[in-house]
Amino acid sequence: MKAVRVRDLVLGTGVPKICVPLAGTTKNKILNEIKELNKTEHDLIELRIDFFEHYSHVNSIIELLKEIRKIYFKPIIFTFRTKNEGGMNFIDEDEYFKINNYVAESELVDLIDIELFKPENKITEFIEAAHKNNIRVILSNHDFYKTPDKEEILNRMLRMQLLGTDISKIAVMPKSENDVLTLLSAGLEMKQMKNLKADRPFIALSMGSLGTITRAASEFLGSCITYASLNNNSAPGQLSVDDTREIMRILHNN
């Protein structure tokens, strides 16, 4: 499997890394969250820019990232989650890629999350441009309505690889315990396909309270990152960063 290195972090080997999403609406709130987060044990952050009050203003976003970089030195995932996939705001495709391209060119972040269900030509063009700026790409799909069958989950994740992503991510909503088992089975199959079809790090999780176990058991699943909250959850089912670290420590040592 092709491990992904971002700064001093290696994704795809060892214990899954803990990422804390930041969903502040103003620059001051985001910077205060980071100051608080700097006191906790975590590995990287995800800046959910769709929560930011100036989410469509490129200059405001770049200025925010510059301020963040003055006080935060671990890896940053930049994410504009669209309304269709559970985000806070609608944005057209041209604006979506314009913002992500500006951020990639700034080199102020380490990874950028791009949604799978965008035009393939725009995705591949973005990945190529991001790589030229030493930015890693996460291709993602979030289904807040259901859990597709296992074959569909695997097909989506393998399609992400074919498009050239560095990390594949899928998050689904379970309606029953069987749905959680479907996601667990798909993740385990991805893990067991290492160096065959699945040749790079991935993230697979089930959302909501039913899916919480998939966040805690990410090492068993083979996921390279698990998401945990500081104060406010950016997705249903997230555990706190402290609880996540303790659970993962217990499971890893046993």
Foldseek 3Di string as FASTA:
>chain_A
DDWDDFPNDTFQDDFAFEEAEDQDAELVSRLVLVVVCVVDDGAEYEYALLNYVPSLDLVVVLVSLVVNVVPDDGAYEYEDDAVVQQGDYHDDPVSVLVSVLSVLVSLSHAEYEAEPPDDLVSLLVSCVSSVVSNHAYEYEGHAEDEQDALVVVLVSQLVCVVSPHQEYEYEYEYPDLVSLVRQLVSLQVLVVCDPHSNPHAYYTFYFAQSTLVCLLCVVNSSHNYHYAYPPDDSTHNHHHPVVSVVSNVVVVVD
